[in-house]
PDB file of N, CA and C in Angstrom:
ATOM      1  N   MET A   1     183.552 116.111  76.975  1.00  0.00           N
ATOM      2  CA  MET A   1     182.655 114.387  76.709  1.00  0.00           C
ATOM      3  C   MET A   1     182.613 114.169  78.329  1.00  0.00           C
ATOM      4  N   ARG A   2     183.646 113.822  78.956  1.00  0.00           N
ATOM      5  CA  ARG A   2     184.224 113.128  80.059  1.00  0.00           C
ATOM      6  C   ARG A   2     183.444 114.088  80.921  1.00  0.00           C
ATOM      7  N   THR A   3     183.489 115.264  80.855  1.00  0.00           N
ATOM      8  CA  THR A   3     182.780 116.054  81.816  1.00  0.00           C
ATOM      9  C   THR A   3     181.173 115.837  81.445  1.00  0.00           C
ATOM     10  N   TRP A   4     180.350 115.907  80.799  1.00  0.00           N
ATOM     11  CA  TRP A   4     179.256 115.801  80.408  1.00  0.00           C
ATOM     12  C   TRP A   4     178.923 114.353  80.961  1.00  0.00           C
ATOM     13  N   LEU A   5     179.438 113.351  81.012  1.00  0.00           N
ATOM     14  CA  LEU A   5     179.129 111.969  81.364  1.00  0.00           C
ATOM     15  C   LEU A   5     179.219 111.932  82.564  1.00  0.00           C
ATOM     16  N   PHE A   6     180.041 112.362  83.182  1.00  0.00           N
ATOM     17  CA  PHE A   6     180.254 112.770  84.801  1.00  0.00           C
ATOM     18  C   PHE A   6     178.906 113.201  85.365  1.00  0.00           C
ATOM     19  N   GLY A   7     178.573 114.083  84.819  1.00  0.00           N
ATOM     20  CA  GLY A   7     177.430 114.963  85.099  1.00  0.00           C
ATOM     21  C   GLY A   7     175.818 114.345  85.069  1.00  0.00           C
ATOM     22  N   ILE A   8     175.902 113.560  84.113  1.00  0.00           N
ATOM     23  CA  ILE A   8     174.706 112.565  84.128  1.00  0.00           C
ATOM     24  C   ILE A   8     174.840 111.399  85.240  1.00  0.00           C
ATOM     25  N   LEU A   9     176.044 111.302  85.064  1.00  0.00           N
ATOM     26  CA  LEU A   9     176.270 109.983  86.415  1.00  0.00           C
ATOM     27  C   LEU A   9     175.873 110.526  87.729  1.00  0.00           C
ATOM     28  N   TYR A  10     176.518 111.745  88.426  1.00  0.00           N
ATOM     29  CA  TYR A  10     176.226 112.778  89.477  1.00  0.00           C
ATOM     30  C   TYR A  10     174.720 112.501  89.508  1.00  0.00           C
ATOM     31  N   ARG A  11     174.031 113.220  88.431  1.00  0.00           N
ATOM     32  CA  ARG A  11     172.440 113.295  88.647  1.00  0.00           C
ATOM     33  C   ARG A  11     171.682 111.600  88.711  1.00  0.00           C
ATOM     34  N   LYS A  12     172.076 110.737  87.900  1.00  0.00           N
ATOM     35  CA  LYS A  12     171.987 109.784  88.258  1.00  0.00           C
ATOM     36  C   LYS A  12     171.950 109.009  89.673  1.00  0.00           C
ATOM     37  N   ILE A  13     172.891 109.021  90.431  1.00  0.00           N
ATOM     38  CA  ILE A  13     173.230 108.661  91.420  1.00  0.00           C
ATOM     39  C   ILE A  13     172.536 109.741  92.627  1.00  0.00           C
ATOM     40  N   ALA A  14     172.400 111.130  92.917  1.00  0.00           N
ATOM     41  CA  ALA A  14     171.495 111.750  93.570  1.00  0.00           C
ATOM     42  C   ALA A  14     170.091 111.256  93.474  1.00  0.00           C
ATOM     43  N   GLU A  15     169.472 111.269  92.025  1.00  0.00           N
ATOM     44  CA  GLU A  15     168.353 110.944  91.992  1.00  0.00           C
ATOM     45  C   GLU A  15     167.751 109.348  92.640  1.00  0.00           C
ATOM     46  N   ARG A  16     168.787 108.432  92.667  1.00  0.00           N
ATOM     47  CA  ARG A  16     168.598 107.427  93.028  1.00  0.00           C
ATOM     48  C   ARG A  16     168.935 106.861  94.742  1.00  0.00           C
ATOM     49  N   ARG A  17     169.471 108.189  94.991  1.00  0.00           N
ATOM     50  CA  ARG A  17     169.717 108.422  96.781  1.00  0.00           C
ATOM     51  C   ARG A  17     168.519 108.905  96.849  1.00  0.00           C
ATOM     52  N   ARG A  18     167.839 109.521  96.497  1.00  0.00           N
ATOM     53  CA  ARG A  18     166.543 110.393  96.808  1.00  0.00           C
ATOM     54  C   ARG A  18     165.641 109.422  96.860  1.00  0.00           C
ATOM     55  N   HIS A  19     165.647 108.631  95.594  1.00  0.00           N
ATOM     56  CA  HIS A  19     164.230 107.383  95.844  1.00  0.00           C
ATOM     57  C   HIS A  19     164.511 106.555  96.848  1.00  0.00           C
ATOM     58  N   LEU A  20     165.520 105.813  97.221  1.00  0.00           N
ATOM     59  CA  LEU A  20     166.080 105.470  98.543  1.00  0.00           C
ATOM     60  C   LEU A  20     165.735 105.725  99.630  1.00  0.00           C
ATOM     61  N   ASP A  21     165.778 107.201  99.917  1.00  0.00           N
ATOM     62  CA  ASP A  21     165.383 107.955 101.253  1.00  0.00           C
ATOM     63  C   ASP A  21     164.279 108.205 101.482  1.00  0.00           C
ATOM     64  N   ARG A  22     163.095 108.457 100.205  1.00  0.00           N
ATOM     65  CA  ARG A  22     161.867 108.282 100.332  1.00  0.00           C
ATOM     66  C   ARG A  22     161.240 106.885 100.889  1.00  0.00           C
ATOM     67  N   GLU A  23     161.770 105.865  99.861  1.00  0.00           N
ATOM     68  CA  GLU A  23     161.353 104.189 100.203  1.00  0.00           C
ATOM     69  C   GLU A  23     161.463 104.029 101.867  1.00  0.00           C
ATOM     70  N   GLN A  24     162.588 104.573 102.175  1.00  0.00           N
ATOM     71  CA  GLN A  24     162.880 104.185 103.697  1.00  0.00           C
ATOM     72  C   GLN A  24     161.854 104.981 105.148  1.00  0.00           C
ATOM     73  N   ARG A  25     161.494 106.113 104.435  1.00  0.00           N
ATOM     74  CA  ARG A  25     161.102 107.032 105.119  1.00  0.00           C
ATOM     75  C   ARG A  25     159.119 106.233 105.217  1.00  0.00           C
ATOM     76  N   MET A  26     159.208 105.672 104.657  1.00  0.00           N
ATOM     77  CA  MET A  26     157.856 105.594 104.626  1.00  0.00           C
ATOM     78  C   MET A  26     157.525 103.875 105.159  1.00  0.00           C
ATOM     79  N   ASP A  27     156.721 103.724 105.876  1.00  0.00           N
ATOM     80  CA  ASP A  27     156.074 102.614 106.643  1.00  0.00           C
ATOM     81  C   ASP A  27     155.326 101.749 105.923  1.00  0.00           C
ATOM     82  N   ASP A  28     155.596 100.434 106.097  1.00  0.00           N
ATOM     83  CA  ASP A  28     154.830  99.789 105.455  1.00  0.00           C
ATOM     84  C   ASP A  28     153.056  99.807 106.094  1.00  0.00           C
ATOM     85  N   VAL A  29     152.106 100.006 105.116  1.00  0.00           N
ATOM     86  CA  VAL A  29     150.530 100.503 105.744  1.00  0.00           C
ATOM     87  C   VAL A  29     150.106  98.973 106.371  1.00  0.00           C
ATOM     88  N   ASP A  30     150.438  98.442 106.090  1.00  0.00           N
ATOM     89  CA  ASP A  30     150.090  97.012 106.618  1.00  0.00           C
ATOM     90  C   ASP A  30     150.578  96.798 108.401  1.00  0.00           C
ATOM     91  N   ASP A  31     151.636  97.059 108.423  1.00  0.00           N
ATOM     92  CA  ASP A  31     152.504  96.791 109.408  1.00  0.00           C
ATOM     93  C   ASP A  31     151.775  97.882 110.498  1.00  0.00           C
ATOM     94  N   VAL A  32     151.960  99.132 109.898  1.00  0.00           N
ATOM     95  CA  VAL A  32     151.142 100.499 111.011  1.00  0.00           C
ATOM     96  C   VAL A  32     149.689 100.054 111.325  1.00  0.00           C
ATOM     97  N   ILE A  33     149.220  99.361 110.495  1.00  0.00           N
ATOM     98  CA  ILE A  33     147.493  99.452 110.623  1.00  0.00           C
ATOM     99  C   ILE A  33     147.535  97.765 111.821  1.00  0.00           C
ATOM    100  N   GLU A  34     148.465  97.096 111.825  1.00  0.00           N
ATOM    101  CA  GLU A  34     148.031  95.988 112.480  1.00  0.00           C
ATOM    102  C   GLU A  34     148.487  96.153 114.039  1.00  0.00           C
ATOM    103  N   SER A  35     149.653  97.484 114.228  1.00  0.00           N
ATOM    104  CA  SER A  35     150.305  97.818 115.431  1.00  0.00           C
ATOM    105  C   SER A  35     149.534  98.892 115.984  1.00  0.00           C
ATOM    106  N   ARG A  36     148.432  99.180 115.410  1.00  0.00           N
ATOM    107  CA  ARG A  36     147.452 100.852 115.916  1.00  0.00           C
ATOM    108  C   ARG A  36     146.018 100.265 116.136  1.00  0.00           C
ATOM    109  N   PHE A  37     145.738  98.681 115.486  1.00  0.00           N
ATOM    110  CA  PHE A  37     144.213  98.491 115.350  1.00  0.00           C
ATOM    111  C   PHE A  37     144.519  96.869 115.681  1.00  0.00           C
ATOM    112  N   ASP A  38     143.261  96.667 116.528  1.00  0.00           N
ATOM    113  CA  ASP A  38     143.394  95.398 116.632  1.00  0.00           C
ATOM    114  C   ASP A  38     142.441  94.331 115.780  1.00  0.00           C
ATOM    115  N   VAL A  39     142.181  93.027 115.776  1.00  0.00           N
ATOM    116  CA  VAL A  39     141.296  92.392 114.957  1.00  0.00           C
ATOM    117  C   VAL A  39     139.832  92.744 114.688  1.00  0.00           C
ATOM    118  N   ALA A  40     139.241  93.703 115.760  1.00  0.00           N
ATOM    119  CA  ALA A  40     138.308  93.661 115.177  1.00  0.00           C
ATOM    120  C   ALA A  40     138.205  95.234 114.854  1.00  0.00           C
ATOM    121  N   GLY A  41     139.266  95.891 114.881  1.00  0.00           N
ATOM    122  CA  GLY A  41     139.248  96.840 114.111  1.00  0.00           C
ATOM    123  C   GLY A  41     138.894  98.277 114.461  1.00  0.00           C
ATOM    124  N   SER A  42     138.922  98.030 116.299  1.00  0.00           N
ATOM    125  CA  SER A  42     139.324  99.170 117.189  1.00  0.00           C
ATOM    126  C   SER A  42     140.598  99.435 117.562  1.00  0.00           C
ATOM    127  N   TRP A  43     140.717 100.784 117.889  1.00  0.00           N
ATOM    128  CA  TRP A  43     142.284 101.272 118.397  1.00  0.00           C
ATOM    129  C   TRP A  43     142.590  99.974 119.466  1.00  0.00           C
ATOM    130  N   SER A  44     144.112  99.391 119.558  1.00  0.00           N
ATOM    131  CA  SER A  44     144.557  99.134 120.320  1.00  0.00           C
ATOM    132  C   SER A  44     144.999  99.879 121.573  1.00  0.00           C
ATOM    133  N   GLN A  45     145.540 101.202 121.323  1.00  0.00           N
ATOM    134  CA  GLN A  45     145.727 102.106 121.972  1.00  0.00           C
ATOM    135  C   GLN A  45     145.030 103.677 121.599  1.00  0.00           C
ATOM    136  N   PRO A  46     144.139 103.627 121.903  1.00  0.00           N
ATOM    137  CA  PRO A  46     143.416 105.284 121.203  1.00  0.00           C
ATOM    138  C   PRO A  46     144.281 106.338 121.446  1.00  0.00           C
ATOM    139  N   PRO A  47     144.485 107.225 120.323  1.00  0.00           N
ATOM    140  CA  PRO A  47     145.252 108.261 120.673  1.00  0.00           C
ATOM    141  C   PRO A  47     144.555 109.265 121.836  1.00  0.00           C
ATOM    142  N   ARG A  48     145.156 110.054 122.210  1.00  0.00           N
ATOM    143  CA  ARG A  48     145.011 111.045 123.552  1.00  0.00           C
ATOM    144  C   ARG A  48     144.295 112.087 122.255  1.00  0.00           C
ATOM    145  N   PRO A  49     143.351 112.772 123.307  1.00  0.00           N
ATOM    146  CA  PRO A  49     142.971 114.035 122.911  1.00  0.00           C
ATOM    147  C   PRO A  49     144.019 115.050 122.879  1.00  0.00           C
ATOM    148  N   ALA A  50     144.004 116.150 122.138  1.00  0.00           N
ATOM    149  CA  ALA A  50     144.966 117.285 121.662  1.00  0.00           C
ATOM    150  C   ALA A  50     145.387 118.078 123.198  1.00  0.00           C
ATOM    151  N   ASP A  51     144.311 118.135 123.904  1.00  0.00           N
ATOM    152  CA  ASP A  51     144.320 119.072 124.716  1.00  0.00           C
ATOM    153  C   ASP A  51     144.225 118.441 126.121  1.00  0.00           C
ATOM    154  N   SER A  52     144.600 117.381 125.877  1.00  0.00           N
ATOM    155  CA  SER A  52     144.548 116.563 127.489  1.00  0.00           C
ATOM    156  C   SER A  52     146.331 116.623 127.926  1.00  0.00           C
ATOM    157  N   ALA A  53     147.156 116.816 126.896  1.00  0.00           N
ATOM    158  CA  ALA A  53     148.262 117.557 127.797  1.00  0.00           C
ATOM    159  C   ALA A  53     148.312 118.720 128.702  1.00  0.00           C
ATOM    160  N   LEU A  54     147.449 119.661 128.181  1.00  0.00           N
ATOM    161  CA  LEU A  54     147.316 120.826 128.877  1.00  0.00           C
ATOM    162  C   LEU A  54     146.770 120.755 130.096  1.00  0.00           C
ATOM    163  N   LEU A  55     145.406 120.201 129.862  1.00  0.00           N
ATOM    164  CA  LEU A  55     144.878 119.512 131.267  1.00  0.00           C
ATOM    165  C   LEU A  55     145.727 118.854 132.149  1.00  0.00           C
ATOM    166  N   ASP A  56     146.482 118.123 131.905  1.00  0.00           N
ATOM    167  CA  ASP A  56     147.344 117.391 132.573  1.00  0.00           C
ATOM    168  C   ASP A  56     148.121 117.820 133.462  1.00  0.00           C
ATOM    169  N   ARG A  57     148.974 118.927 132.681  1.00  0.00           N
ATOM    170  CA  ARG A  57     149.752 120.146 133.078  1.00  0.00           C
ATOM    171  C   ARG A  57     149.363 121.091 134.197  1.00  0.00           C
ATOM    172  N   GLU A  58     147.624 121.671 134.247  1.00  0.00           N
ATOM    173  CA  GLU A  58     147.011 122.111 134.874  1.00  0.00           C
ATOM    174  C   GLU A  58     146.859 121.929 136.124  1.00  0.00           C
ATOM    175  N   VAL A  59     146.644 120.570 135.749  1.00  0.00           N
ATOM    176  CA  VAL A  59     145.739 119.627 137.186  1.00  0.00           C
ATOM    177  C   VAL A  59     147.262 119.295 138.288  1.00  0.00           C
ATOM    178  N   ARG A  60     148.112 119.205 137.211  1.00  0.00           N
ATOM    179  CA  ARG A  60     149.363 118.791 138.168  1.00  0.00           C
ATOM    180  C   ARG A  60     149.678 119.730 138.889  1.00  0.00           C
ATOM    181  N   LYS A  61     149.669 120.993 138.149  1.00  0.00           N
ATOM    182  CA  LYS A  61     150.054 122.364 138.820  1.00  0.00           C
ATOM    183  C   LYS A  61     149.081 122.931 140.151  1.00  0.00           C
ATOM    184  N   GLN A  62     147.570 122.438 140.358  1.00  0.00           N
ATOM    185  CA  GLN A  62     146.853 122.531 141.122  1.00  0.00           C
ATOM    186  C   GLN A  62     147.059 121.817 142.333  1.00  0.00           C
ATOM    187  N   ILE A  63     147.249 120.124 141.765  1.00  0.00           N
ATOM    188  CA  ILE A  63     148.046 119.128 142.915  1.00  0.00           C
ATOM    189  C   ILE A  63     148.933 119.763 143.932  1.00  0.00           C
ATOM    190  N   GLU A  64     149.967 120.189 143.294  1.00  0.00           N
ATOM    191  CA  GLU A  64     151.771 120.352 143.492  1.00  0.00           C
ATOM    192  C   GLU A  64     151.221 121.722 144.780  1.00  0.00           C
ATOM    193  N   LYS A  65     150.366 122.880 143.974  1.00  0.00           N
ATOM    194  CA  LYS A  65     149.844 123.865 145.040  1.00  0.00           C
ATOM    195  C   LYS A  65     149.108 123.454 146.215  1.00  0.00           C
ATOM    196  N   CYS A  66     148.115 122.318 146.045  1.00  0.00           N
ATOM    197  CA  CYS A  66     147.186 121.919 147.215  1.00  0.00           C
ATOM    198  C   CYS A  66     148.149 120.861 148.275  1.00  0.00           C
ATOM    199  N   LEU A  67     149.064 120.337 147.629  1.00  0.00           N
ATOM    200  CA  LEU A  67     150.026 119.564 148.426  1.00  0.00           C
ATOM    201  C   LEU A  67     150.913 120.446 149.218  1.00  0.00           C
ATOM    202  N   ASP A  68     151.260 121.710 148.694  1.00  0.00           N
ATOM    203  CA  ASP A  68     152.240 122.593 149.533  1.00  0.00           C
ATOM    204  C   ASP A  68     151.467 122.966 150.759  1.00  0.00           C
ATOM    205  N   THR A  69     150.297 123.050 151.109  1.00  0.00           N
ATOM    206  CA  THR A  69     149.648 123.270 152.195  1.00  0.00           C
ATOM    207  C   THR A  69     149.818 122.371 153.354  1.00  0.00           C
ATOM    208  N   CYS A  70     150.136 121.345 153.194  1.00  0.00           N
ATOM    209  CA  CYS A  70     150.067 120.240 153.881  1.00  0.00           C
ATOM    210  C   CYS A  70     151.579 119.970 154.503  1.00  0.00           C
ATOM    211  N   THR A  71     151.103 119.543 155.575  1.00  0.00           N
ATOM    212  CA  THR A  71     152.781 118.990 156.311  1.00  0.00           C
ATOM    213  C   THR A  71     153.846 118.281 155.809  1.00  0.00           C
ATOM    214  N   THR A  72     155.105 118.399 155.674  1.00  0.00           N
ATOM    215  CA  THR A  72     155.738 117.818 155.159  1.00  0.00           C
ATOM    216  C   THR A  72     155.936 116.032 155.194  1.00  0.00           C
ATOM    217  N   ARG A  73     155.512 115.704 156.327  1.00  0.00           N
ATOM    218  CA  ARG A  73     154.988 114.128 156.754  1.00  0.00           C
ATOM    219  C   ARG A  73     154.317 113.555 155.552  1.00  0.00           C
ATOM    220  N   TYR A  74     152.900 114.681 155.999  1.00  0.00           N
ATOM    221  CA  TYR A  74     151.653 113.885 154.887  1.00  0.00           C
ATOM    222  C   TYR A  74     151.891 114.129 153.283  1.00  0.00           C
ATOM    223  N   ARG A  75     153.007 115.409 153.002  1.00  0.00           N
ATOM    224  CA  ARG A  75     153.217 115.302 151.591  1.00  0.00           C
ATOM    225  C   ARG A  75     153.838 113.911 150.959  1.00  0.00           C
ATOM    226  N   MET A  76     155.255 113.541 152.220  1.00  0.00           N
ATOM    227  CA  MET A  76     155.933 112.648 151.571  1.00  0.00           C
ATOM    228  C   MET A  76     154.994 111.272 151.999  1.00  0.00           C
ATOM    229  N   ALA A  77     153.953 111.250 152.458  1.00  0.00           N
ATOM    230  CA  ALA A  77     153.350 110.079 152.784  1.00  0.00           C
ATOM    231  C   ALA A  77     152.574 109.763 151.443  1.00  0.00           C
ATOM    232  N   PHE A  78     152.094 111.182 151.156  1.00  0.00           N
ATOM    233  CA  PHE A  78     151.213 111.009 149.942  1.00  0.00           C
ATOM    234  C   PHE A  78     152.051 110.647 148.735  1.00  0.00           C
ATOM    235  N   LEU A  79     153.089 111.237 148.795  1.00  0.00           N
ATOM    236  CA  LEU A  79     153.918 111.064 147.306  1.00  0.00           C
ATOM    237  C   LEU A  79     154.616 109.959 147.343  1.00  0.00           C
ATOM    238  N   LEU A  80     154.933 108.981 148.534  1.00  0.00           N
ATOM    239  CA  LEU A  80     155.758 107.813 148.662  1.00  0.00           C
ATOM    240  C   LEU A  80     154.744 106.405 148.083  1.00  0.00           C
ATOM    241  N   ARG A  81     153.531 106.999 148.878  1.00  0.00           N
ATOM    242  CA  ARG A  81     152.233 106.044 148.042  1.00  0.00           C
ATOM    243  C   ARG A  81     151.895 106.232 146.763  1.00  0.00           C
ATOM    244  N   GLU A  82     151.421 107.280 146.382  1.00  0.00           N
ATOM    245  CA  GLU A  82     150.712 107.481 145.287  1.00  0.00           C
ATOM    246  C   GLU A  82     151.355 107.597 143.809  1.00  0.00           C
ATOM    247  N   VAL A  83     152.849 108.535 144.060  1.00  0.00           N
ATOM    248  CA  VAL A  83     153.534 108.389 142.815  1.00  0.00           C
ATOM    249  C   VAL A  83     154.850 107.487 142.735  1.00  0.00           C
ATOM    250  N   GLU A  84     155.711 107.201 143.999  1.00  0.00           N
ATOM    251  CA  GLU A  84     156.536 106.180 143.855  1.00  0.00           C
ATOM    252  C   GLU A  84     155.833 104.718 143.987  1.00  0.00           C
ATOM    253  N   GLY A  85     154.560 104.419 144.132  1.00  0.00           N
ATOM    254  CA  GLY A  85     154.374 103.436 144.421  1.00  0.00           C
ATOM    255  C   GLY A  85     154.543 102.286 145.497  1.00  0.00           C
ATOM    256  N   LEU A  86     155.169 102.691 146.572  1.00  0.00           N
ATOM    257  CA  LEU A  86     155.657 102.222 147.715  1.00  0.00           C
ATOM    258  C   LEU A  86     154.892 101.329 148.749  1.00  0.00           C
ATOM    259  N   SER A  87     155.156 100.088 149.058  1.00  0.00           N
ATOM    260  CA  SER A  87     153.962  99.357 149.795  1.00  0.00           C
ATOM    261  C   SER A  87     153.895 100.091 151.408  1.00  0.00           C
ATOM    262  N   THR A  88     152.619  99.718 151.642  1.00  0.00           N
ATOM    263  CA  THR A  88     152.692 100.462 153.336  1.00  0.00           C
ATOM    264  C   THR A  88     154.167 100.242 154.432  1.00  0.00           C
ATOM    265  N   ARG A  89     154.839  99.059 154.442  1.00  0.00           N
ATOM    266  CA  ARG A  89     155.580  98.395 154.827  1.00  0.00           C
ATOM    267  C   ARG A  89     156.769  99.349 154.550  1.00  0.00           C
ATOM    268  N   GLU A  90     156.737  99.582 153.444  1.00  0.00           N
ATOM    269  CA  GLU A  90     158.542 100.237 153.230  1.00  0.00           C
ATOM    270  C   GLU A  90     157.933 102.070 153.428  1.00  0.00           C
ATOM    271  N   ILE A  91     156.929 102.739 153.645  1.00  0.00           N
ATOM    272  CA  ILE A  91     156.793 103.924 154.060  1.00  0.00           C
ATOM    273  C   ILE A  91     157.092 104.108 155.367  1.00  0.00           C
ATOM    274  N   CYS A  92     156.127 102.741 156.460  1.00  0.00           N
ATOM    275  CA  CYS A  92     156.470 103.072 157.582  1.00  0.00           C
ATOM    276  C   CYS A  92     157.937 102.962 157.636  1.00  0.00           C
ATOM    277  N   GLU A  93     158.574 102.078 157.076  1.00  0.00           N
ATOM    278  CA  GLU A  93     160.158 102.321 157.568  1.00  0.00           C
ATOM    279  C   GLU A  93     160.568 103.295 157.613  1.00  0.00           C
ATOM    280  N   ILE A  94     160.508 104.283 156.467  1.00  0.00           N
ATOM    281  CA  ILE A  94     160.735 105.610 156.072  1.00  0.00           C
ATOM    282  C   ILE A  94     160.578 106.761 156.888  1.00  0.00           C
ATOM    283  N   LEU A  95     159.548 106.765 157.175  1.00  0.00           N
ATOM    284  CA  LEU A  95     158.499 107.833 157.867  1.00  0.00           C
ATOM    285  C   LEU A  95     158.609 107.613 159.033  1.00  0.00           C
ATOM    286  N   ASP A  96     159.032 106.558 159.728  1.00  0.00           N
ATOM    287  CA  ASP A  96     159.168 105.964 161.195  1.00  0.00           C
ATOM    288  C   ASP A  96     157.724 105.981 161.583  1.00  0.00           C
ATOM    289  N   VAL A  97     156.444 105.267 161.330  1.00  0.00           N
ATOM    290  CA  VAL A  97     155.358 105.579 161.703  1.00  0.00           C
ATOM    291  C   VAL A  97     154.752 104.307 161.799  1.00  0.00           C
ATOM    292  N   THR A  98     153.488 103.937 162.266  1.00  0.00           N
ATOM    293  CA  THR A  98     153.212 102.853 162.323  1.00  0.00           C
ATOM    294  C   THR A  98     152.022 102.361 161.075  1.00  0.00           C
ATOM    295  N   ALA A  99     151.349 101.434 160.730  1.00  0.00           N
ATOM    296  CA  ALA A  99     150.733 101.153 159.534  1.00  0.00           C
ATOM    297  C   ALA A  99     149.203 101.846 159.948  1.00  0.00           C
ATOM    298  N   THR A 100     148.609 102.010 161.193  1.00  0.00           N
ATOM    299  CA  THR A 100     147.747 102.760 161.251  1.00  0.00           C
ATOM    300  C   THR A 100     147.632 104.126 161.505  1.00  0.00           C
ATOM    301  N   ASN A 101     148.808 104.499 161.459  1.00  0.00           N
ATOM    302  CA  ASN A 101     149.151 106.067 161.668  1.00  0.00           C
ATOM    303  C   ASN A 101     149.305 106.559 160.132  1.00  0.00           C
ATOM    304  N   LEU A 102     149.948 105.630 159.217  1.00  0.00           N
ATOM    305  CA  LEU A 102     149.965 105.857 157.942  1.00  0.00           C
ATOM    306  C   LEU A 102     148.694 105.838 157.290  1.00  0.00           C
ATOM    307  N   GLY A 103     147.645 105.035 157.114  1.00  0.00           N
ATOM    308  CA  GLY A 103     146.447 104.835 156.976  1.00  0.00           C
ATOM    309  C   GLY A 103     145.899 106.587 157.324  1.00  0.00           C
ATOM    310  N   VAL A 104     145.796 107.118 158.925  1.00  0.00           N
ATOM    311  CA  VAL A 104     145.311 108.016 159.086  1.00  0.00           C
ATOM    312  C   VAL A 104     146.129 109.412 157.997  1.00  0.00           C
ATOM    313  N   MET A 105     147.349 109.472 158.101  1.00  0.00           N
ATOM    314  CA  MET A 105     147.944 110.400 157.265  1.00  0.00           C
ATOM    315  C   MET A 105     147.661 110.673 155.949  1.00  0.00           C
ATOM    316  N   LEU A 106     147.033 109.379 155.380  1.00  0.00           N
ATOM    317  CA  LEU A 106     146.943 109.275 154.004  1.00  0.00           C
ATOM    318  C   LEU A 106     145.670 109.691 153.856  1.00  0.00           C
ATOM    319  N   TYR A 107     144.545 109.271 154.872  1.00  0.00           N
ATOM    320  CA  TYR A 107     143.211 109.577 154.764  1.00  0.00           C
ATOM    321  C   TYR A 107     142.997 111.317 154.650  1.00  0.00           C
ATOM    322  N   ARG A 108     144.097 112.013 155.702  1.00  0.00           N
ATOM    323  CA  ARG A 108     143.960 113.361 155.877  1.00  0.00           C
ATOM    324  C   ARG A 108     144.828 113.852 155.122  1.00  0.00           C
ATOM    325  N   VAL A 109     145.355 113.562 154.428  1.00  0.00           N
ATOM    326  CA  VAL A 109     146.297 114.099 153.151  1.00  0.00           C
ATOM    327  C   VAL A 109     145.088 114.521 151.767  1.00  0.00           C
ATOM    328  N   ARG A 110     144.577 113.294 151.652  1.00  0.00           N
ATOM    329  CA  ARG A 110     143.971 112.971 150.450  1.00  0.00           C
ATOM    330  C   ARG A 110     142.327 113.671 151.028  1.00  0.00           C
ATOM    331  N   ASN A 111     141.868 114.066 152.391  1.00  0.00           N
ATOM    332  CA  ASN A 111     141.041 114.997 152.363  1.00  0.00           C
ATOM    333  C   ASN A 111     141.417 116.282 151.899  1.00  0.00           C
ATOM    334  N   ARG A 112     142.282 116.577 152.138  1.00  0.00           N
ATOM    335  CA  ARG A 112     143.019 118.014 151.985  1.00  0.00           C
ATOM    336  C   ARG A 112     143.104 118.508 150.843  1.00  0.00           C
ATOM    337  N   LEU A 113     143.535 117.380 150.178  1.00  0.00           N
ATOM    338  CA  LEU A 113     143.679 117.789 148.315  1.00  0.00           C
ATOM    339  C   LEU A 113     142.411 117.603 147.864  1.00  0.00           C
ATOM    340  N   ARG A 114     141.595 116.969 148.412  1.00  0.00           N
ATOM    341  CA  ARG A 114     139.871 116.840 147.848  1.00  0.00           C
ATOM    342  C   ARG A 114     139.394 118.486 148.140  1.00  0.00           C
ATOM    343  N   GLU A 115     139.423 118.715 149.222  1.00  0.00           N
ATOM    344  CA  GLU A 115     138.770 119.956 149.703  1.00  0.00           C
ATOM    345  C   GLU A 115     140.053 121.316 149.017  1.00  0.00           C
ATOM    346  N   CYS A 116     141.037 121.335 148.830  1.00  0.00           N
ATOM    347  CA  CYS A 116     141.661 122.299 148.173  1.00  0.00           C
ATOM    348  C   CYS A 116     140.981 122.167 146.497  1.00  0.00           C
ATOM    349  N   LEU A 117     141.278 121.277 146.128  1.00  0.00           N
ATOM    350  CA  LEU A 117     140.745 121.373 144.572  1.00  0.00           C
ATOM    351  C   LEU A 117     139.255 121.685 144.273  1.00  0.00           C
ATOM    352  N   GLU A 118     138.393 121.150 145.267  1.00  0.00           N
ATOM    353  CA  GLU A 118     137.154 121.558 145.148  1.00  0.00           C
ATOM    354  C   GLU A 118     137.186 123.133 145.453  1.00  0.00           C
ATOM    355  N   ALA A 119     138.009 123.586 146.186  1.00  0.00           N
ATOM    356  CA  ALA A 119     137.893 125.130 146.394  1.00  0.00           C
ATOM    357  C   ALA A 119     138.245 125.927 145.217  1.00  0.00           C
ATOM    358  N   GLU A 120     139.467 125.438 144.644  1.00  0.00           N
ATOM    359  CA  GLU A 120     140.093 126.141 143.262  1.00  0.00           C
ATOM    360  C   GLU A 120     139.322 125.763 142.197  1.00  0.00           C
ATOM    361  N   GLY A 121     138.570 124.659 142.175  1.00  0.00           N
ATOM    362  CA  GLY A 121     137.315 124.448 140.848  1.00  0.00           C
ATOM    363  C   GLY A 121     137.682 123.583 140.265  1.00  0.00           C
ATOM    364  N   ALA A 122     138.687 123.038 140.552  1.00  0.00           N
ATOM    365  CA  ALA A 122     139.634 121.742 139.680  1.00  0.00           C
ATOM    366  C   ALA A 122     138.794 120.060 139.627  1.00  0.00           C
ATOM    367  N   TRP A 123     138.119 120.390 140.830  1.00  0.00           N
ATOM    368  CA  TRP A 123     137.465 119.097 141.156  1.00  0.00           C
ATOM    369  C   TRP A 123     135.811 119.327 141.553  1.00  0.00           C
ATOM    370  N   GLY A 124     134.395 119.066 140.672  1.00  0.00           N
ATOM    371  CA  GLY A 124     133.388 119.372 140.943  1.00  0.00           C
ATOM    372  C   GLY A 124     132.919 118.815 142.277  1.00  0.00           C
ATOM    373  N   LYS A 125     132.133 119.667 143.296  1.00  0.00           N
ATOM    374  CA  LYS A 125     131.799 118.971 144.285  1.00  0.00           C
ATOM    375  C   LYS A 125     130.793 117.719 144.496  1.00  0.00           C
ATOM    376  N   THR A 126     130.482 117.681 143.217  1.00  0.00           N
ATOM    377  CA  THR A 126     129.704 116.435 142.920  1.00  0.00           C
ATOM    378  C   THR A 126     130.182 115.076 142.762  1.00  0.00           C
ATOM    379  N   ARG A 127     131.588 114.997 142.420  1.00  0.00           N
ATOM    380  CA  ARG A 127     132.550 114.067 142.308  1.00  0.00           C
ATOM    381  C   ARG A 127     133.098 113.446 143.702  1.00  0.00           C
ATOM    382  N   ARG A 128     132.874 112.465 144.230  1.00  0.00           N
ATOM    383  CA  ARG A 128     133.146 111.840 145.764  1.00  0.00           C
ATOM    384  C   ARG A 128     133.026 110.441 145.360  1.00  0.00           C
TER     385      ARG A 128
END
């Protein structure tokens, strides 16, 4: 009799645990809707298209390939400005150039990137 009662108790405990696990895994629907939509019913942050990660990776590879054709100083100037987001003054101190020279360097590297990406077919010639 004792074994039979413990078997029932064990099954009831397991059933209760499964029930609690199911409840904890589910988010409150109202909270989810409020976090994803604004008052007007529009997305607060729209989902990204499924193929955007693949496209981002391909474009990044092409940009890296095109940057490899630039000189080290031009590549550094571009990366410090566009990737790191440093100010003109900070970049000038790092590269030991004047602000005017940095402007010329950035213009040239951007131009080379544009031309290289157009040649690779990553960027249409009508986009300028």
